[in-house]
């Protein structure tokens, strides 16, 4: 079963965001860097979420460009 081509980058971006957020949480727990004003479960705030979204957007854009270059 294949996904529609327009949906594939969206799913890829969500996957990148989830992996980034998971790694961020693990690193914060391992380094005991739990922020006091954490908006979400005391582990991350809006700035962290925006950084994760930016990373997901850049990685997804790079991945799509690489696929197009490989296709040509």
PDB file of N, CA and C in Angstrom:
ATOM      1  N   UNK A   1       0.846  -1.174   0.000  1.00  0.00           N
ATOM      2  CA  UNK A   1       0.000   0.000   0.000  1.00  0.00           C
ATOM      3  C   UNK A   1       0.896   1.244   0.000  1.00  0.00           C
ATOM      4  N   UNK A   2       0.673   2.115  -0.934  1.00  0.00           N
ATOM      5  CA  UNK A   2       1.470   3.329  -1.024  1.00  0.00           C
ATOM      6  C   UNK A   2       0.637   4.532  -0.624  1.00  0.00           C
ATOM      7  N   UNK A   3       1.306   5.491  -0.067  1.00  0.00           N
ATOM      8  CA  UNK A   3       0.658   6.741   0.318  1.00  0.00           C
ATOM      9  C   UNK A   3       0.595   7.683  -0.866  1.00  0.00           C
ATOM     10  N   UNK A   4      -0.395   8.551  -0.884  1.00  0.00           N
ATOM     11  CA  UNK A   4      -0.417   9.563  -1.948  1.00  0.00           C
ATOM     12  C   UNK A   4       0.841  10.437  -1.876  1.00  0.00           C
ATOM     13  N   UNK A   5       1.361  10.855  -3.033  1.00  0.00           N
ATOM     14  CA  UNK A   5       2.613  11.625  -3.048  1.00  0.00           C
ATOM     15  C   UNK A   5       2.553  12.920  -2.230  1.00  0.00           C
ATOM     16  N   UNK A   6       1.397  13.544  -2.128  1.00  0.00           N
ATOM     17  CA  UNK A   6       1.280  14.792  -1.362  1.00  0.00           C
ATOM     18  C   UNK A   6       1.321  14.530   0.144  1.00  0.00           C
ATOM     19  N   UNK A   7       0.980  13.315   0.562  1.00  0.00           N
ATOM     20  CA  UNK A   7       0.934  12.983   1.985  1.00  0.00           C
ATOM     21  C   UNK A   7       2.280  12.496   2.513  1.00  0.00           C
ATOM     22  N   UNK A   8       3.131  11.968   1.648  1.00  0.00           N
ATOM     23  CA  UNK A   8       4.405  11.407   2.077  1.00  0.00           C
ATOM     24  C   UNK A   8       5.309  12.412   2.793  1.00  0.00           C
ATOM     25  N   UNK A   9       5.497  13.636   2.268  1.00  0.00           N
ATOM     26  CA  UNK A   9       6.361  14.587   2.991  1.00  0.00           C
ATOM     27  C   UNK A   9       5.775  14.987   4.346  1.00  0.00           C
ATOM     28  N   UNK A  10       4.472  15.054   4.442  1.00  0.00           N
ATOM     29  CA  UNK A  10       3.824  15.405   5.703  1.00  0.00           C
ATOM     30  C   UNK A  10       4.083  14.332   6.758  1.00  0.00           C
ATOM     31  N   UNK A  11       3.917  13.076   6.391  1.00  0.00           N
ATOM     32  CA  UNK A  11       4.180  11.961   7.312  1.00  0.00           C
ATOM     33  C   UNK A  11       5.662  11.921   7.687  1.00  0.00           C
ATOM     34  N   UNK A  12       6.533  12.168   6.720  1.00  0.00           N
ATOM     35  CA  UNK A  12       7.975  12.191   6.979  1.00  0.00           C
ATOM     36  C   UNK A  12       8.305  13.303   7.977  1.00  0.00           C
ATOM     37  N   UNK A  13       7.730  14.474   7.785  1.00  0.00           N
ATOM     38  CA  UNK A  13       7.956  15.603   8.686  1.00  0.00           C
ATOM     39  C   UNK A  13       7.483  15.313  10.103  1.00  0.00           C
ATOM     40  N   UNK A  14       6.329  14.675  10.229  1.00  0.00           N
ATOM     41  CA  UNK A  14       5.828  14.305  11.560  1.00  0.00           C
ATOM     42  C   UNK A  14       6.786  13.318  12.222  1.00  0.00           C
ATOM     43  N   UNK A  15       7.301  12.378  11.447  1.00  0.00           N
ATOM     44  CA  UNK A  15       8.267  11.415  11.988  1.00  0.00           C
ATOM     45  C   UNK A  15       9.538  12.086  12.465  1.00  0.00           C
ATOM     46  N   UNK A  16      10.038  13.029  11.692  1.00  0.00           N
ATOM     47  CA  UNK A  16      11.244  13.775  12.092  1.00  0.00           C
ATOM     48  C   UNK A  16      10.970  14.557  13.371  1.00  0.00           C
ATOM     49  N   UNK A  17       9.797  15.193  13.457  1.00  0.00           N
ATOM     50  CA  UNK A  17       9.445  15.965  14.647  1.00  0.00           C
ATOM     51  C   UNK A  17       9.366  15.065  15.883  1.00  0.00           C
ATOM     52  N   UNK A  18       8.764  13.900  15.738  1.00  0.00           N
ATOM     53  CA  UNK A  18       8.637  12.968  16.871  1.00  0.00           C
ATOM     54  C   UNK A  18      10.015  12.480  17.321  1.00  0.00           C
ATOM     55  N   UNK A  19      10.878  12.144  16.376  1.00  0.00           N
ATOM     56  CA  UNK A  19      12.229  11.682  16.732  1.00  0.00           C
ATOM     57  C   UNK A  19      13.004  12.801  17.429  1.00  0.00           C
ATOM     58  N   UNK A  20      12.933  14.022  16.891  1.00  0.00           N
ATOM     59  CA  UNK A  20      13.633  15.154  17.498  1.00  0.00           C
ATOM     60  C   UNK A  20      13.122  15.411  18.923  1.00  0.00           C
ATOM     61  N   UNK A  21      11.812  15.408  19.092  1.00  0.00           N
ATOM     62  CA  UNK A  21      11.225  15.664  20.411  1.00  0.00           C
ATOM     63  C   UNK A  21      11.607  14.562  21.400  1.00  0.00           C
ATOM     64  N   UNK A  22      11.602  13.322  20.943  1.00  0.00           N
ATOM     65  CA  UNK A  22      11.986  12.204  21.814  1.00  0.00           C
ATOM     66  C   UNK A  22      13.435  12.317  22.254  1.00  0.00           C
ATOM     67  N   UNK A  23      14.326  12.622  21.307  1.00  0.00           N
ATOM     68  CA  UNK A  23      15.739  12.792  21.668  1.00  0.00           C
ATOM     69  C   UNK A  23      15.938  13.966  22.619  1.00  0.00           C
ATOM     70  N   UNK A  24      15.190  15.046  22.397  1.00  0.00           N
ATOM     71  CA  UNK A  24      15.297  16.217  23.266  1.00  0.00           C
ATOM     72  C   UNK A  24      14.869  15.866  24.698  1.00  0.00           C
ATOM     73  N   UNK A  25      13.780  15.137  24.830  1.00  0.00           N
ATOM     74  CA  UNK A  25      13.292  14.748  26.163  1.00  0.00           C
ATOM     75  C   UNK A  25      14.294  13.824  26.843  1.00  0.00           C
ATOM     76  N   UNK A  26      14.816  12.847  26.113  1.00  0.00           N
ATOM     77  CA  UNK A  26      15.792  11.913  26.697  1.00  0.00           C
ATOM     78  C   UNK A  26      17.031  12.665  27.168  1.00  0.00           C
ATOM     79  N   UNK A  27      17.547  13.584  26.346  1.00  0.00           N
ATOM     80  CA  UNK A  27      18.730  14.341  26.743  1.00  0.00           C
ATOM     81  C   UNK A  27      18.457  15.228  27.957  1.00  0.00           C
ATOM     82  N   UNK A  28      17.280  15.830  28.018  1.00  0.00           N
ATOM     83  CA  UNK A  28      16.963  16.667  29.182  1.00  0.00           C
ATOM     84  C   UNK A  28      16.848  15.828  30.444  1.00  0.00           C
ATOM     85  N   UNK A  29      16.293  14.636  30.331  1.00  0.00           N
ATOM     86  CA  UNK A  29      16.186  13.770  31.502  1.00  0.00           C
ATOM     87  C   UNK A  29      17.550  13.241  31.939  1.00  0.00           C
ATOM     88  N   UNK A  30      18.400  12.890  30.984  1.00  0.00           N
ATOM     89  CA  UNK A  30      19.726  12.375  31.326  1.00  0.00           C
ATOM     90  C   UNK A  30      20.620  13.440  31.944  1.00  0.00           C
ATOM     91  N   UNK A  31      20.450  14.692  31.523  1.00  0.00           N
ATOM     92  CA  UNK A  31      21.289  15.768  32.050  1.00  0.00           C
ATOM     93  C   UNK A  31      20.632  16.495  33.223  1.00  0.00           C
ATOM     94  N   UNK A  32      19.482  16.016  33.643  1.00  0.00           N
ATOM     95  CA  UNK A  32      18.729  16.620  34.752  1.00  0.00           C
ATOM     96  C   UNK A  32      18.434  18.093  34.495  1.00  0.00           C
ATOM     97  N   UNK A  33      18.176  18.414  33.243  1.00  0.00           N
ATOM     98  CA  UNK A  33      17.874  19.795  32.855  1.00  0.00           C
ATOM     99  C   UNK A  33      16.364  19.940  32.637  1.00  0.00           C
ATOM    100  N   UNK A  34      15.623  19.791  33.714  1.00  0.00           N
ATOM    101  CA  UNK A  34      14.172  19.949  33.641  1.00  0.00           C
ATOM    102  C   UNK A  34      13.861  21.411  33.924  1.00  0.00           C
ATOM    103  N   UNK A  35      13.187  22.065  32.994  1.00  0.00           N
ATOM    104  CA  UNK A  35      12.917  23.494  33.140  1.00  0.00           C
ATOM    105  C   UNK A  35      11.744  23.725  34.082  1.00  0.00           C
ATOM    106  N   UNK A  36      11.826  24.808  34.814  1.00  0.00           N
ATOM    107  CA  UNK A  36      10.799  25.128  35.802  1.00  0.00           C
ATOM    108  C   UNK A  36       9.496  25.590  35.164  1.00  0.00           C
ATOM    109  N   UNK A  37       9.623  26.363  34.084  1.00  0.00           N
ATOM    110  CA  UNK A  37       8.416  26.896  33.456  1.00  0.00           C
ATOM    111  C   UNK A  37       8.023  26.075  32.225  1.00  0.00           C
ATOM    112  N   UNK A  38       8.198  24.766  32.316  1.00  0.00           N
ATOM    113  CA  UNK A  38       7.867  23.892  31.196  1.00  0.00           C
ATOM    114  C   UNK A  38       6.368  23.900  30.934  1.00  0.00           C
ATOM    115  N   UNK A  39       6.004  24.246  29.716  1.00  0.00           N
ATOM    116  CA  UNK A  39       4.593  24.331  29.365  1.00  0.00           C
ATOM    117  C   UNK A  39       3.960  22.956  29.176  1.00  0.00           C
ATOM    118  N   UNK A  40       4.738  21.997  28.726  1.00  0.00           N
ATOM    119  CA  UNK A  40       4.198  20.678  28.413  1.00  0.00           C
ATOM    120  C   UNK A  40       4.902  19.632  29.256  1.00  0.00           C
ATOM    121  N   UNK A  41       4.217  19.132  30.264  1.00  0.00           N
ATOM    122  CA  UNK A  41       4.698  18.080  31.154  1.00  0.00           C
ATOM    123  C   UNK A  41       5.965  18.465  31.903  1.00  0.00           C
ATOM    124  N   UNK A  42       6.307  19.729  31.930  1.00  0.00           N
ATOM    125  CA  UNK A  42       7.509  20.186  32.612  1.00  0.00           C
ATOM    126  C   UNK A  42       8.794  19.814  31.899  1.00  0.00           C
ATOM    127  N   UNK A  43       8.693  19.315  30.665  1.00  0.00           N
ATOM    128  CA  UNK A  43       9.878  18.870  29.940  1.00  0.00           C
ATOM    129  C   UNK A  43      10.283  19.801  28.810  1.00  0.00           C
ATOM    130  N   UNK A  44       9.330  20.446  28.166  1.00  0.00           N
ATOM    131  CA  UNK A  44       9.666  21.351  27.079  1.00  0.00           C
ATOM    132  C   UNK A  44       8.636  22.457  26.996  1.00  0.00           C
ATOM    133  N   UNK A  45       9.026  23.534  26.336  1.00  0.00           N
ATOM    134  CA  UNK A  45       8.152  24.696  26.233  1.00  0.00           C
ATOM    135  C   UNK A  45       7.915  25.032  24.762  1.00  0.00           C
ATOM    136  N   UNK A  46       7.279  26.156  24.515  1.00  0.00           N
ATOM    137  CA  UNK A  46       6.943  26.540  23.141  1.00  0.00           C
ATOM    138  C   UNK A  46       8.181  26.742  22.278  1.00  0.00           C
ATOM    139  N   UNK A  47       9.253  27.265  22.870  1.00  0.00           N
ATOM    140  CA  UNK A  47      10.498  27.471  22.117  1.00  0.00           C
ATOM    141  C   UNK A  47      11.044  26.133  21.620  1.00  0.00           C
ATOM    142  N   UNK A  48      11.005  25.121  22.462  1.00  0.00           N
ATOM    143  CA  UNK A  48      11.471  23.790  22.063  1.00  0.00           C
ATOM    144  C   UNK A  48      10.609  23.225  20.938  1.00  0.00           C
ATOM    145  N   UNK A  49       9.305  23.432  21.019  1.00  0.00           N
ATOM    146  CA  UNK A  49       8.407  22.938  19.974  1.00  0.00           C
ATOM    147  C   UNK A  49       8.654  23.656  18.647  1.00  0.00           C
ATOM    148  N   UNK A  50       8.890  24.957  18.708  1.00  0.00           N
ATOM    149  CA  UNK A  50       9.173  25.704  17.483  1.00  0.00           C
ATOM    150  C   UNK A  50      10.499  25.258  16.867  1.00  0.00           C
ATOM    151  N   UNK A  51      11.482  24.982  17.711  1.00  0.00           N
ATOM    152  CA  UNK A  51      12.765  24.498  17.219  1.00  0.00           C
ATOM    153  C   UNK A  51      12.586  23.125  16.566  1.00  0.00           C
ATOM    154  N   UNK A  52      11.784  22.264  17.167  1.00  0.00           N
ATOM    155  CA  UNK A  52      11.496  20.948  16.589  1.00  0.00           C
ATOM    156  C   UNK A  52      10.776  21.058  15.260  1.00  0.00           C
ATOM    157  N   UNK A  53       9.821  21.992  15.164  1.00  0.00           N
ATOM    158  CA  UNK A  53       9.100  22.195  13.906  1.00  0.00           C
ATOM    159  C   UNK A  53      10.036  22.718  12.823  1.00  0.00           C
ATOM    160  N   UNK A  54      10.949  23.614  13.185  1.00  0.00           N
ATOM    161  CA  UNK A  54      11.901  24.147  12.216  1.00  0.00           C
ATOM    162  C   UNK A  54      12.843  23.050  11.722  1.00  0.00           C
ATOM    163  N   UNK A  55      13.322  22.214  12.626  1.00  0.00           N
ATOM    164  CA  UNK A  55      14.206  21.108  12.243  1.00  0.00           C
ATOM    165  C   UNK A  55      13.455  20.146  11.327  1.00  0.00           C
ATOM    166  N   UNK A  56      12.219  19.822  11.681  1.00  0.00           N
ATOM    167  CA  UNK A  56      11.416  18.913  10.855  1.00  0.00           C
ATOM    168  C   UNK A  56      11.189  19.496   9.466  1.00  0.00           C
ATOM    169  N   UNK A  57      10.909  20.788   9.393  1.00  0.00           N
ATOM    170  CA  UNK A  57      10.685  21.439   8.105  1.00  0.00           C
ATOM    171  C   UNK A  57      11.950  21.409   7.246  1.00  0.00           C
ATOM    172  N   UNK A  58      13.080  21.751   7.837  1.00  0.00           N
ATOM    173  CA  UNK A  58      14.340  21.768   7.079  1.00  0.00           C
ATOM    174  C   UNK A  58      14.766  20.372   6.625  1.00  0.00           C
ATOM    175  N   UNK A  59      14.631  19.392   7.499  1.00  0.00           N
ATOM    176  CA  UNK A  59      15.027  18.030   7.135  1.00  0.00           C
ATOM    177  C   UNK A  59      14.092  17.476   6.061  1.00  0.00           C
ATOM    178  N   UNK A  60      12.807  17.741   6.179  1.00  0.00           N
ATOM    179  CA  UNK A  60      11.849  17.270   5.178  1.00  0.00           C
ATOM    180  C   UNK A  60      12.103  17.938   3.832  1.00  0.00           C
ATOM    181  N   UNK A  61      12.356  19.245   3.833  1.00  0.00           N
ATOM    182  CA  UNK A  61      12.649  19.957   2.597  1.00  0.00           C
ATOM    183  C   UNK A  61      13.908  19.392   1.936  1.00  0.00           C
ATOM    184  N   UNK A  62      14.942  19.151   2.726  1.00  0.00           N
ATOM    185  CA  UNK A  62      16.186  18.591   2.210  1.00  0.00           C
ATOM    186  C   UNK A  62      15.955  17.187   1.643  1.00  0.00           C
ATOM    187  N   UNK A  63      15.169  16.391   2.336  1.00  0.00           N
ATOM    188  CA  UNK A  63      14.869  15.029   1.892  1.00  0.00           C
ATOM    189  C   UNK A  63      14.114  15.041   0.558  1.00  0.00           C
ATOM    190  N   UNK A  64      13.146  15.926   0.422  1.00  0.00           N
ATOM    191  CA  UNK A  64      12.373  16.023  -0.817  1.00  0.00           C
ATOM    192  C   UNK A  64      13.247  16.479  -1.981  1.00  0.00           C
ATOM    193  N   UNK A  65      14.128  17.432  -1.739  1.00  0.00           N
ATOM    194  CA  UNK A  65      15.035  17.892  -2.806  1.00  0.00           C
ATOM    195  C   UNK A  65      15.977  16.771  -3.232  1.00  0.00           C
ATOM    196  N   UNK A  66      16.439  16.007  -2.255  1.00  0.00           N
ATOM    197  CA  UNK A  66      17.342  14.895  -2.570  1.00  0.00           C
ATOM    198  C   UNK A  66      16.616  13.842  -3.405  1.00  0.00           C
ATOM    199  N   UNK A  67      15.354  13.571  -3.074  1.00  0.00           N
ATOM    200  CA  UNK A  67      14.578  12.606  -3.859  1.00  0.00           C
ATOM    201  C   UNK A  67      14.400  13.092  -5.291  1.00  0.00           C
ATOM    202  N   UNK A  68      14.136  14.392  -5.466  1.00  0.00           N
ATOM    203  CA  UNK A  68      13.937  14.927  -6.807  1.00  0.00           C
ATOM    204  C   UNK A  68      15.229  14.884  -7.619  1.00  0.00           C
ATOM    205  N   UNK A  69      16.357  15.173  -6.979  1.00  0.00           N
ATOM    206  CA  UNK A  69      17.634  15.116  -7.676  1.00  0.00           C
ATOM    207  C   UNK A  69      17.988  13.682  -8.086  1.00  0.00           C
ATOM    208  N   UNK A  70      17.671  12.747  -7.215  1.00  0.00           N
ATOM    209  CA  UNK A  70      17.964  11.344  -7.505  1.00  0.00           C
ATOM    210  C   UNK A  70      17.086  10.842  -8.642  1.00  0.00           C
ATOM    211  N   UNK A  71      15.848  11.346  -8.700  1.00  0.00           N
ATOM    212  CA  UNK A  71      14.898  10.911  -9.723  1.00  0.00           C
ATOM    213  C   UNK A  71      15.351  11.357 -11.119  1.00  0.00           C
ATOM    214  N   UNK A  72      15.954  12.540 -11.224  1.00  0.00           N
ATOM    215  CA  UNK A  72      16.345  13.088 -12.529  1.00  0.00           C
ATOM    216  C   UNK A  72      17.514  12.421 -13.106  1.00  0.00           C
TER     217      UNK A  72
END
